[in-house]
Protein backbone atom coordinates (compact mmCIF):
# COMPACT_ATOMS: atom_id res chain seq x y z
CA MET A 1 34.11 -12.48 9.33
CA ALA A 2 32.77 -9.26 10.87
CA THR A 3 32.51 -7.69 7.42
CA THR A 4 30.44 -10.63 6.15
CA ALA A 5 28.13 -10.41 9.16
CA ALA A 6 27.75 -6.66 8.62
CA TRP A 7 26.83 -7.10 4.96
CA LEU A 8 24.44 -9.91 5.84
CA SER A 9 22.80 -7.72 8.48
CA ALA A 10 22.33 -4.89 5.98
CA ILE A 11 20.94 -7.20 3.30
CA ILE A 12 18.47 -8.82 5.70
CA GLY A 13 17.44 -5.34 6.85
CA VAL A 14 16.73 -4.29 3.27
CA GLY A 15 14.65 -7.44 2.81
CA LEU A 16 12.61 -6.70 5.95
CA LEU A 17 12.01 -3.09 4.88
CA THR A 18 10.84 -4.27 1.46
CA TRP A 19 8.62 -6.94 3.01
CA SER A 20 6.95 -4.28 5.20
CA VAL A 21 5.99 -2.33 2.06
CA VAL A 22 4.53 -5.51 0.53
CA VAL A 23 2.41 -6.07 3.66
CA VAL A 24 1.09 -2.49 3.56
CA SER A 25 0.49 -2.73 -0.19
CA ARG A 26 -1.63 -5.86 0.25
CA ALA A 27 -3.61 -4.25 3.07
CA ASN A 28 -4.38 -1.24 0.86
CA ALA A 29 -5.06 -3.08 -2.39
CA GLY A 30 -7.41 -0.50 -3.93
CA ASP A 31 -5.93 2.65 -2.41
CA GLU A 32 -2.82 4.59 -3.26
CA LEU A 33 -0.03 4.56 -0.69
CA PRO A 34 1.12 7.97 0.57
CA TYR A 35 4.85 8.62 0.35
CA TRP A 36 5.35 10.77 3.46
CA THR A 37 2.81 9.38 5.93
CA ASN A 38 1.41 6.01 6.95
CA ALA A 39 -1.25 4.40 4.79
CA ALA A 40 -4.89 4.26 5.83
CA ARG A 41 -4.49 0.63 6.87
CA THR A 42 -1.10 -0.14 8.35
CA PRO A 43 -0.89 -3.61 9.90
CA ARG A 44 1.12 -3.92 13.10
CA ARG A 45 3.43 -6.52 11.62
CA SER A 46 4.51 -4.03 8.95
CA MET A 47 5.61 -1.64 11.68
CA GLY A 48 7.56 -4.45 13.37
CA LEU A 49 9.20 -5.35 10.07
CA ARG A 50 10.18 -1.71 9.53
CA VAL A 51 11.71 -1.39 12.98
CA ALA A 52 13.67 -4.63 12.62
CA GLY A 53 14.75 -3.70 9.09
CA VAL A 54 15.99 -0.25 10.06
CA ALA A 55 17.79 -1.67 13.12
CA LEU A 56 19.59 -4.28 11.02
CA VAL A 57 20.54 -1.77 8.31
CA ILE A 58 21.91 0.65 10.91
CA LEU A 59 23.79 -2.15 12.67
CA GLY A 60 25.32 -3.38 9.43
CA THR A 61 26.18 0.14 8.33
CA GLY A 62 27.73 0.92 11.69
CA LEU A 63 29.94 -2.14 11.45
CA LEU A 64 30.92 -1.28 7.87
CA SER A 65 31.57 2.41 8.46
CA PRO A 66 35.28 1.97 9.38
CA THR A 67 35.79 0.15 6.09
CA LEU A 68 33.53 2.24 3.83
CA SER A 69 33.83 5.61 5.62
CA TYR A 70 31.29 8.07 4.16
CA TRP A 71 30.09 5.56 1.58
CA ALA A 72 28.25 3.75 4.38
CA VAL A 73 25.55 6.42 4.05
CA ALA A 74 24.83 5.05 0.56
CA ILE A 75 23.83 1.74 2.16
CA VAL A 76 21.27 3.48 4.38
CA VAL A 77 19.83 5.47 1.46
CA GLY A 78 19.87 2.41 -0.80
CA ALA A 79 18.04 0.34 1.79
CA PHE A 80 14.86 2.34 1.20
CA LEU A 81 14.98 2.33 -2.62
CA PRO A 82 13.31 -1.09 -3.18
CA GLY A 83 10.40 -0.11 -0.92
CA ILE A 84 9.97 3.23 -2.66
CA ALA A 85 10.03 1.47 -6.04
CA LEU A 86 7.31 -0.94 -4.83
CA MET A 87 5.18 1.98 -3.62
CA ILE A 88 5.50 3.72 -7.00
CA TRP A 89 4.60 0.47 -8.78
CA HIS A 90 1.57 -0.06 -6.48
CA ASN A 91 0.30 3.50 -6.96
CA GLN A 92 0.66 3.27 -10.75
CA ALA A 93 -1.26 -0.02 -10.77
CA VAL A 94 -4.07 1.50 -8.70
CA SER A 95 -4.17 4.52 -10.99
CA ARG A 96 -4.35 2.32 -14.11
CA MET A 97 -7.15 0.29 -12.52
CA ARG A 98 -9.15 3.42 -11.71
CA ARG A 99 -8.69 4.87 -15.21
CA ARG A 100 -9.72 1.56 -16.77
CA ASP A 101 -12.84 1.26 -14.62
CA ALA A 102 -13.84 4.95 -14.74
CA GLY A 103 -16.07 4.80 -17.81
CA ARG A 104 -17.51 1.32 -17.44
CA MET A 105 -21.05 0.47 -16.59
CA PRO A 106 -21.55 -1.57 -13.41
CA ALA A 107 -21.01 -5.27 -14.11
CA SER A 108 -23.96 -6.40 -12.00
CA PRO A 109 -27.57 -5.55 -12.90
CA LEU A 110 -28.15 -5.22 -9.15
CA ALA A 111 -25.95 -2.12 -9.14
CA GLY A 112 -28.54 -0.34 -11.26
CA GLY A 113 -28.26 2.99 -13.06
CA THR A 114 -25.17 4.27 -14.76
CA ALA A 115 -21.64 4.27 -13.47
CA ARG A 116 -21.78 8.02 -12.85
CA GLY A 117 -25.01 9.11 -11.22
CA PRO A 118 -27.10 7.83 -8.35
CA ALA A 119 -29.42 5.01 -9.37
CA ALA A 120 -33.10 4.85 -8.63
CA SER A 121 -33.66 3.50 -5.16
CA ARG A 122 -36.46 0.94 -5.23
CA ALA A 123 -37.08 -1.89 -2.78
CA GLY A 124 -34.96 -4.94 -3.53
CA GLU A 125 -32.41 -3.01 -5.63
CA ARG A 126 -29.14 -1.45 -4.73
CA ARG A 127 -28.22 2.18 -5.12
CA GLU A 128 -24.94 3.91 -5.66
CA SER A 129 -23.60 6.61 -3.40
CA GLU A 130 -20.66 8.82 -4.17
CA GLY A 131 -18.05 8.99 -1.42
CA ASN A 132 -14.46 10.08 -1.05
CA PHE A 133 -13.30 6.69 -2.28
CA GLY A 134 -15.38 6.39 -5.45
CA VAL A 135 -18.68 4.63 -5.94
CA MET A 136 -19.76 2.32 -3.12
CA LEU A 137 -22.80 0.08 -3.24
CA GLU A 138 -25.27 0.23 -0.40
CA PRO A 139 -28.39 -1.90 0.10
CA ALA A 140 -31.59 -0.04 -0.60
CA ARG A 141 -33.73 0.81 2.41
CA ARG A 142 -37.02 -1.04 2.59
CA SER A 143 -40.18 0.87 3.23
CA ASP A 144 -42.43 -2.05 4.19
CA GLY A 145 -42.00 -1.66 7.93
CA ASP A 146 -38.60 -3.37 8.41
């Protein structure tokens, strides 16, 4: 019975760790996720899921260590593999999206200009500005006293 509870604890912990990566991935939909640090937007619930997941994996591994001896370490290492695989998949999807959209013209005529340079800034239009995160659209400034 204790062995079943230990395995169940470890499996639930792996699920919580994986769920925390899904939460962070959704919060950073257009940005790549760093592998060794926290993402730019890290929701609090993802941190709670990580803590609970690690605690359950460690608890399950601790209960299984008399049975598995040194192989219990494989459970701890394996617990992080689904999350790492999801991060790799997310980063590849973001990279494919950026490569696909790199050479396209803006879809909206309000974006003006080409996809690469700054557009003319006239009243009522939008202009493009280059930033660290690609092209962002900003409303044009009005010069009629507003």
